[in-house]
Amino acid sequence: MLEFIINFLSNTYVGQPTLHTRKINQNIARLQHYDWFHDIYHHDQYRSLFFANRHVRKYLQSNVRVKRMMKNKQAQERFLQFLHKQSKGREQKNCKQ
């Protein structure tokens, strides 16, 4: 509880929430036990998003979302759509440069 309060207060004053790399890596490791996630994790189109995209990492930081993806096919599909959207946004950004 104290950790939550400290994180909330620090994020309020800093303005940009910090990402918890250890938590994200643990959630990725939990999801890799599932074939659907293992396949997209090793897919070239999405691979770098897991390491470099702040939005994807923030999504994977949530234990609630990760547990939902582990149990719910619709949550898995939403995550895949989210990854696809992030991938397309990165491609468009690279084309403009």
N, C-alpha and C. Protein backbone atom coordinates (compact mmCIF):
# COMPACT_ATOMS: atom_id res chain seq x y z
N MET A 1 0.83 -1.19 0.00
CA MET A 1 0.00 0.00 0.00
C MET A 1 0.88 1.25 0.00
N LEU A 2 1.90 1.24 0.82
CA LEU A 2 2.80 2.38 0.88
C LEU A 2 3.50 2.61 -0.45
N GLU A 3 3.89 1.52 -1.10
CA GLU A 3 4.55 1.63 -2.41
C GLU A 3 3.62 2.28 -3.42
N PHE A 4 2.36 1.90 -3.39
CA PHE A 4 1.37 2.48 -4.30
C PHE A 4 1.26 3.99 -4.09
N ILE A 5 1.19 4.41 -2.84
CA ILE A 5 1.05 5.83 -2.52
C ILE A 5 2.29 6.60 -2.97
N ILE A 6 3.47 6.04 -2.71
CA ILE A 6 4.70 6.70 -3.12
C ILE A 6 4.77 6.83 -4.63
N ASN A 7 4.44 5.75 -5.35
CA ASN A 7 4.44 5.80 -6.81
C ASN A 7 3.44 6.82 -7.33
N PHE A 8 2.26 6.86 -6.74
CA PHE A 8 1.23 7.80 -7.17
C PHE A 8 1.70 9.23 -6.98
N LEU A 9 2.24 9.52 -5.82
CA LEU A 9 2.69 10.88 -5.55
C LEU A 9 3.87 11.28 -6.42
N SER A 10 4.81 10.39 -6.63
CA SER A 10 5.95 10.72 -7.47
C SER A 10 5.52 10.92 -8.92
N ASN A 11 4.57 10.14 -9.39
CA ASN A 11 4.08 10.30 -10.75
C ASN A 11 3.29 11.59 -10.91
N THR A 12 2.62 12.01 -9.88
CA THR A 12 1.85 13.24 -9.94
C THR A 12 2.77 14.44 -10.11
N TYR A 13 3.87 14.46 -9.41
CA TYR A 13 4.77 15.60 -9.48
C TYR A 13 5.70 15.56 -10.67
N VAL A 14 6.08 14.40 -11.10
CA VAL A 14 6.98 14.28 -12.23
C VAL A 14 6.21 14.50 -13.53
N GLY A 15 4.98 14.06 -13.57
CA GLY A 15 4.16 14.28 -14.75
C GLY A 15 4.12 13.09 -15.70
N GLN A 16 5.13 12.25 -15.66
CA GLN A 16 5.14 11.09 -16.53
C GLN A 16 5.40 9.86 -15.67
N PRO A 17 4.48 8.90 -15.73
CA PRO A 17 4.63 7.74 -14.86
C PRO A 17 5.88 6.93 -15.21
N THR A 18 6.49 6.40 -14.18
CA THR A 18 7.66 5.56 -14.41
C THR A 18 7.22 4.14 -14.72
N LEU A 19 8.00 3.47 -15.50
CA LEU A 19 7.71 2.09 -15.83
C LEU A 19 8.56 1.20 -14.92
N HIS A 20 7.97 0.11 -14.49
CA HIS A 20 8.65 -0.83 -13.61
C HIS A 20 9.12 -2.02 -14.43
N THR A 21 10.37 -1.94 -14.85
CA THR A 21 10.94 -2.93 -15.76
C THR A 21 10.83 -4.34 -15.22
N ARG A 22 11.13 -4.52 -13.95
CA ARG A 22 11.07 -5.87 -13.37
C ARG A 22 9.65 -6.44 -13.46
N LYS A 23 8.67 -5.64 -13.16
CA LYS A 23 7.27 -6.07 -13.21
C LYS A 23 6.88 -6.41 -14.65
N ILE A 24 7.29 -5.58 -15.58
CA ILE A 24 6.98 -5.82 -17.00
C ILE A 24 7.63 -7.12 -17.46
N ASN A 25 8.89 -7.32 -17.12
CA ASN A 25 9.59 -8.55 -17.51
C ASN A 25 8.96 -9.79 -16.89
N GLN A 26 8.51 -9.69 -15.66
CA GLN A 26 7.83 -10.82 -15.01
C GLN A 26 6.52 -11.13 -15.72
N ASN A 27 5.78 -10.10 -16.09
CA ASN A 27 4.51 -10.32 -16.80
C ASN A 27 4.75 -10.92 -18.18
N ILE A 28 5.79 -10.47 -18.86
CA ILE A 28 6.13 -11.05 -20.17
C ILE A 28 6.49 -12.52 -19.99
N ALA A 29 7.27 -12.84 -18.97
CA ALA A 29 7.65 -14.23 -18.71
C ALA A 29 6.42 -15.09 -18.42
N ARG A 30 5.46 -14.55 -17.69
CA ARG A 30 4.22 -15.29 -17.41
C ARG A 30 3.44 -15.54 -18.69
N LEU A 31 3.38 -14.55 -19.55
CA LEU A 31 2.62 -14.69 -20.79
C LEU A 31 3.30 -15.62 -21.79
N GLN A 32 4.61 -15.75 -21.72
CA GLN A 32 5.31 -16.60 -22.68
C GLN A 32 4.99 -18.08 -22.53
N HIS A 33 4.31 -18.44 -21.46
CA HIS A 33 3.88 -19.82 -21.29
C HIS A 33 2.70 -20.16 -22.21
N TYR A 34 2.15 -19.15 -22.85
CA TYR A 34 1.00 -19.34 -23.73
C TYR A 34 1.46 -19.23 -25.18
N ASP A 35 1.02 -20.17 -26.00
CA ASP A 35 1.45 -20.21 -27.40
C ASP A 35 1.11 -18.94 -28.16
N TRP A 36 -0.09 -18.40 -27.95
CA TRP A 36 -0.51 -17.22 -28.70
C TRP A 36 0.45 -16.05 -28.43
N PHE A 37 0.89 -15.89 -27.18
CA PHE A 37 1.79 -14.79 -26.85
C PHE A 37 3.20 -15.10 -27.35
N HIS A 38 3.63 -16.31 -27.17
CA HIS A 38 4.97 -16.71 -27.61
C HIS A 38 5.14 -16.42 -29.10
N ASP A 39 4.11 -16.70 -29.88
CA ASP A 39 4.16 -16.46 -31.33
C ASP A 39 4.32 -14.98 -31.65
N ILE A 40 3.54 -14.12 -31.00
CA ILE A 40 3.65 -12.69 -31.32
C ILE A 40 4.91 -12.08 -30.72
N TYR A 41 5.38 -12.62 -29.61
CA TYR A 41 6.59 -12.10 -28.98
C TYR A 41 7.81 -12.30 -29.88
N HIS A 42 7.80 -13.38 -30.64
CA HIS A 42 8.92 -13.67 -31.54
C HIS A 42 8.65 -13.25 -32.98
N HIS A 43 7.55 -12.58 -33.22
CA HIS A 43 7.21 -12.09 -34.55
C HIS A 43 8.00 -10.80 -34.82
N ASP A 44 8.65 -10.72 -35.96
CA ASP A 44 9.51 -9.58 -36.28
C ASP A 44 8.78 -8.24 -36.21
N GLN A 45 7.53 -8.22 -36.63
CA GLN A 45 6.76 -6.98 -36.67
C GLN A 45 6.56 -6.39 -35.27
N TYR A 46 6.46 -7.25 -34.26
CA TYR A 46 6.13 -6.78 -32.91
C TYR A 46 7.29 -6.85 -31.92
N ARG A 47 8.32 -7.59 -32.23
CA ARG A 47 9.40 -7.89 -31.28
C ARG A 47 9.96 -6.63 -30.60
N SER A 48 10.32 -5.63 -31.37
CA SER A 48 10.94 -4.45 -30.77
C SER A 48 9.97 -3.64 -29.91
N LEU A 49 8.68 -3.78 -30.15
CA LEU A 49 7.70 -3.04 -29.35
C LEU A 49 7.77 -3.43 -27.87
N PHE A 50 8.10 -4.69 -27.61
CA PHE A 50 8.16 -5.16 -26.23
C PHE A 50 9.31 -4.52 -25.45
N PHE A 51 10.30 -4.01 -26.17
CA PHE A 51 11.46 -3.42 -25.51
C PHE A 51 11.48 -1.90 -25.60
N ALA A 52 10.97 -1.34 -26.68
CA ALA A 52 11.17 0.08 -26.93
C ALA A 52 9.91 0.94 -26.89
N ASN A 53 8.74 0.34 -26.99
CA ASN A 53 7.52 1.13 -27.05
C ASN A 53 6.95 1.34 -25.65
N ARG A 54 6.94 2.58 -25.24
CA ARG A 54 6.47 2.93 -23.89
C ARG A 54 5.02 2.52 -23.66
N HIS A 55 4.18 2.65 -24.67
CA HIS A 55 2.76 2.31 -24.54
C HIS A 55 2.57 0.80 -24.33
N VAL A 56 3.31 0.01 -25.08
CA VAL A 56 3.21 -1.45 -24.95
C VAL A 56 3.73 -1.87 -23.58
N ARG A 57 4.84 -1.29 -23.17
CA ARG A 57 5.42 -1.65 -21.87
C ARG A 57 4.48 -1.24 -20.73
N LYS A 58 3.85 -0.10 -20.86
CA LYS A 58 2.90 0.33 -19.83
C LYS A 58 1.70 -0.63 -19.79
N TYR A 59 1.25 -1.07 -20.95
CA TYR A 59 0.14 -2.02 -21.03
C TYR A 59 0.51 -3.31 -20.30
N LEU A 60 1.73 -3.79 -20.53
CA LEU A 60 2.18 -5.04 -19.94
C LEU A 60 2.56 -4.90 -18.47
N GLN A 61 2.65 -3.70 -17.98
CA GLN A 61 2.96 -3.47 -16.57
C GLN A 61 1.77 -3.81 -15.68
N SER A 62 0.58 -3.78 -16.22
CA SER A 62 -0.63 -4.01 -15.44
C SER A 62 -0.85 -5.51 -15.20
N ASN A 63 -0.82 -5.90 -13.93
CA ASN A 63 -1.09 -7.29 -13.58
C ASN A 63 -2.52 -7.68 -13.93
N VAL A 64 -3.43 -6.74 -13.79
CA VAL A 64 -4.84 -7.01 -14.10
C VAL A 64 -5.00 -7.35 -15.58
N ARG A 65 -4.41 -6.54 -16.45
CA ARG A 65 -4.50 -6.81 -17.89
C ARG A 65 -3.86 -8.14 -18.24
N VAL A 66 -2.70 -8.40 -17.65
CA VAL A 66 -1.98 -9.64 -17.96
C VAL A 66 -2.80 -10.85 -17.52
N LYS A 67 -3.36 -10.82 -16.33
CA LYS A 67 -4.20 -11.93 -15.87
C LYS A 67 -5.42 -12.11 -16.77
N ARG A 68 -5.98 -10.99 -17.21
CA ARG A 68 -7.14 -11.05 -18.10
C ARG A 68 -6.74 -11.70 -19.43
N MET A 69 -5.56 -11.34 -19.94
CA MET A 69 -5.10 -11.94 -21.20
C MET A 69 -4.84 -13.43 -21.05
N MET A 70 -4.44 -13.83 -19.87
CA MET A 70 -4.15 -15.24 -19.64
C MET A 70 -5.43 -16.08 -19.65
N LYS A 71 -6.56 -15.46 -19.34
CA LYS A 71 -7.82 -16.19 -19.19
C LYS A 71 -8.85 -15.93 -20.29
N ASN A 72 -8.73 -14.80 -20.97
CA ASN A 72 -9.82 -14.33 -21.82
C ASN A 72 -9.34 -14.14 -23.26
N LYS A 73 -9.98 -14.84 -24.18
CA LYS A 73 -9.63 -14.76 -25.60
C LYS A 73 -9.84 -13.35 -26.15
N GLN A 74 -10.89 -12.68 -25.72
CA GLN A 74 -11.16 -11.32 -26.20
C GLN A 74 -10.07 -10.35 -25.74
N ALA A 75 -9.57 -10.52 -24.54
CA ALA A 75 -8.49 -9.67 -24.05
C ALA A 75 -7.22 -9.92 -24.87
N GLN A 76 -7.00 -11.14 -25.27
CA GLN A 76 -5.85 -11.47 -26.12
C GLN A 76 -5.98 -10.79 -27.48
N GLU A 77 -7.17 -10.81 -28.03
CA GLU A 77 -7.42 -10.17 -29.33
C GLU A 77 -7.26 -8.66 -29.24
N ARG A 78 -7.72 -8.06 -28.13
CA ARG A 78 -7.56 -6.61 -27.94
C ARG A 78 -6.08 -6.25 -27.85
N PHE A 79 -5.30 -7.07 -27.17
CA PHE A 79 -3.88 -6.81 -27.06
C PHE A 79 -3.21 -6.91 -28.43
N LEU A 80 -3.58 -7.89 -29.21
CA LEU A 80 -3.02 -8.04 -30.55
C LEU A 80 -3.38 -6.84 -31.43
N GLN A 81 -4.61 -6.36 -31.34
CA GLN A 81 -5.01 -5.16 -32.07
C GLN A 81 -4.21 -3.94 -31.61
N PHE A 82 -4.01 -3.84 -30.31
CA PHE A 82 -3.22 -2.75 -29.74
C PHE A 82 -1.79 -2.80 -30.28
N LEU A 83 -1.18 -3.99 -30.30
CA LEU A 83 0.17 -4.14 -30.85
C LEU A 83 0.23 -3.74 -32.31
N HIS A 84 -0.77 -4.17 -33.06
CA HIS A 84 -0.82 -3.85 -34.49
C HIS A 84 -0.90 -2.33 -34.68
N LYS A 85 -1.73 -1.68 -33.88
CA LYS A 85 -1.87 -0.23 -33.97
C LYS A 85 -0.55 0.46 -33.62
N GLN A 86 0.12 0.00 -32.59
CA GLN A 86 1.41 0.58 -32.21
C GLN A 86 2.45 0.35 -33.30
N SER A 87 2.41 -0.80 -33.91
CA SER A 87 3.36 -1.13 -34.98
C SER A 87 3.13 -0.22 -36.19
N LYS A 88 1.87 -0.01 -36.55
CA LYS A 88 1.55 0.85 -37.69
C LYS A 88 1.95 2.30 -37.40
N GLY A 89 1.74 2.74 -36.17
CA GLY A 89 2.14 4.10 -35.80
C GLY A 89 3.64 4.29 -35.90
N ARG A 90 4.39 3.28 -35.53
CA ARG A 90 5.85 3.35 -35.63
C ARG A 90 6.29 3.37 -37.09
N GLU A 91 5.64 2.57 -37.94
CA GLU A 91 5.97 2.55 -39.37
C GLU A 91 5.70 3.90 -40.01
N GLN A 92 4.58 4.51 -39.66
CA GLN A 92 4.25 5.82 -40.22
C GLN A 92 5.24 6.87 -39.76
N LYS A 93 5.65 6.79 -38.52
CA LYS A 93 6.62 7.73 -37.98
C LYS A 93 7.96 7.58 -38.69
N ASN A 94 8.37 6.35 -38.97
CA ASN A 94 9.64 6.10 -39.66
C ASN A 94 9.59 6.56 -41.12
N CYS A 95 8.43 6.48 -41.75
CA CYS A 95 8.29 6.93 -43.13
C CYS A 95 8.43 8.44 -43.25
N LYS A 96 7.99 9.18 -42.24
CA LYS A 96 8.05 10.64 -42.26
C LYS A 96 9.47 11.15 -42.09
N GLN A 97 10.33 10.34 -41.50
CA GLN A 97 11.70 10.80 -41.21
C GLN A 97 12.59 10.68 -42.40
